[in-house]
Amino acid sequence: MSCCSTDGTCSTSATTTAVAEGTKTVYNVSGMTCGHCKATLTKEIGALDGVLSVDVDLSAGQVSVTTSNEPDDALLAQVIDEAGYELTGRAA
């Protein structure tokens, strides 16, 4: 089955649709250096209630979190800390 429709446009997944409807917040996170870091944070943050998507940008040292409501910064900081990294604040 193709993701493209008969008119040549590509459909979006349910995740992408949900992301468009959520609240995206970008955080600065220190200590991330490799693919394992990215996978760990994606898994741990993604498991939280209300999280629709997680995008880890290692080179920028940032994690974008899209939530269904306003994010809980304290909870995110705790999860990131327990995973071995440090949330240093929201990106400007």
Protein backbone atom coordinates (compact mmCIF):
# COMPACT_ATOMS: atom_id res chain seq x y z
CA MET A 1 0.00 0.00 0.00
CA SER A 2 1.35 3.39 -0.97
CA CYS A 3 1.32 6.50 1.19
CA CYS A 4 0.55 8.57 -1.89
CA SER A 5 -2.97 9.30 -3.04
CA THR A 6 -4.27 8.97 -6.59
CA ASP A 7 -3.78 12.70 -7.23
CA GLY A 8 -0.04 12.41 -6.53
CA THR A 9 0.01 13.99 -3.08
CA CYS A 10 1.43 12.12 -0.13
CA SER A 11 -0.71 11.47 2.88
CA THR A 12 0.55 12.11 6.38
CA SER A 13 0.70 9.63 9.21
CA ALA A 14 -1.45 9.91 12.31
CA THR A 15 1.62 11.06 14.25
CA THR A 16 2.27 13.93 11.87
CA THR A 17 -1.35 15.01 12.06
CA ALA A 18 -1.29 14.91 15.85
CA VAL A 19 1.92 16.94 15.91
CA ALA A 20 0.25 19.72 13.94
CA GLU A 21 -2.45 19.90 16.61
CA GLY A 22 -0.12 19.79 19.63
CA THR A 23 2.14 22.20 21.45
CA LYS A 24 5.79 22.02 20.36
CA THR A 25 8.42 23.02 22.90
CA VAL A 26 12.17 22.95 22.29
CA TYR A 27 14.54 22.23 25.17
CA ASN A 28 18.30 22.54 25.49
CA VAL A 29 19.73 19.26 26.78
CA SER A 30 23.38 18.64 27.63
CA GLY A 31 25.22 15.33 27.56
CA MET A 32 23.79 13.94 24.30
CA THR A 33 26.52 12.66 21.99
CA CYS A 34 25.35 9.70 19.89
CA GLY A 35 22.53 7.65 18.43
CA HIS A 36 22.11 5.78 21.70
CA CYS A 37 21.44 9.08 23.47
CA LYS A 38 18.86 9.97 20.83
CA ALA A 39 17.12 6.60 21.09
CA THR A 40 17.08 6.68 24.90
CA LEU A 41 15.58 10.15 25.14
CA THR A 42 13.06 9.47 22.37
CA LYS A 43 11.89 6.35 24.21
CA GLU A 44 11.81 7.82 27.72
CA ILE A 45 10.17 11.14 26.84
CA GLY A 46 7.84 9.49 24.34
CA ALA A 47 6.48 7.21 27.09
CA LEU A 48 5.09 10.17 29.05
CA ASP A 49 1.34 10.83 28.99
CA GLY A 50 0.39 13.54 26.52
CA VAL A 51 3.60 13.36 24.48
CA LEU A 52 2.77 13.15 20.77
CA SER A 53 6.31 13.22 19.35
CA VAL A 54 9.95 13.67 20.28
CA ASP A 55 12.72 14.89 17.97
CA VAL A 56 16.31 14.84 19.24
CA ASP A 57 18.85 17.07 17.45
CA LEU A 58 22.27 15.95 18.68
CA SER A 59 24.25 18.62 16.82
CA ALA A 60 22.15 21.45 18.27
CA GLY A 61 21.87 19.85 21.71
CA GLN A 62 18.11 20.22 21.60
CA VAL A 63 15.06 18.05 22.09
CA SER A 64 11.72 19.09 20.54
CA VAL A 65 8.73 17.70 22.39
CA THR A 66 5.21 17.97 21.02
CA THR A 67 2.49 17.50 23.61
CA SER A 68 -1.29 17.46 23.56
CA ASN A 69 -1.33 20.13 26.30
CA GLU A 70 1.16 22.51 27.91
CA PRO A 71 4.27 20.43 28.75
CA ASP A 72 5.30 19.69 32.33
CA ASP A 73 8.86 21.08 32.36
CA ALA A 74 9.61 19.68 35.82
CA LEU A 75 8.56 16.16 34.80
CA LEU A 76 10.53 16.37 31.56
CA ALA A 77 13.60 17.56 33.48
CA GLN A 78 13.24 14.63 35.88
CA VAL A 79 12.91 12.06 33.08
CA ILE A 80 15.86 13.53 31.18
CA ASP A 81 17.96 13.62 34.37
CA GLU A 82 17.10 10.00 35.21
CA ALA A 83 18.17 9.01 31.68
CA GLY A 84 21.61 10.54 32.38
CA TYR A 85 21.31 13.92 30.67
CA GLU A 86 20.52 17.45 31.83
CA LEU A 87 17.68 19.69 30.69
CA THR A 88 19.24 23.15 30.84
CA GLY A 89 16.11 25.10 29.88
CA ARG A 90 13.80 25.97 27.04
CA ALA A 91 15.45 27.06 23.83
CA ALA A 92 15.06 30.75 22.97
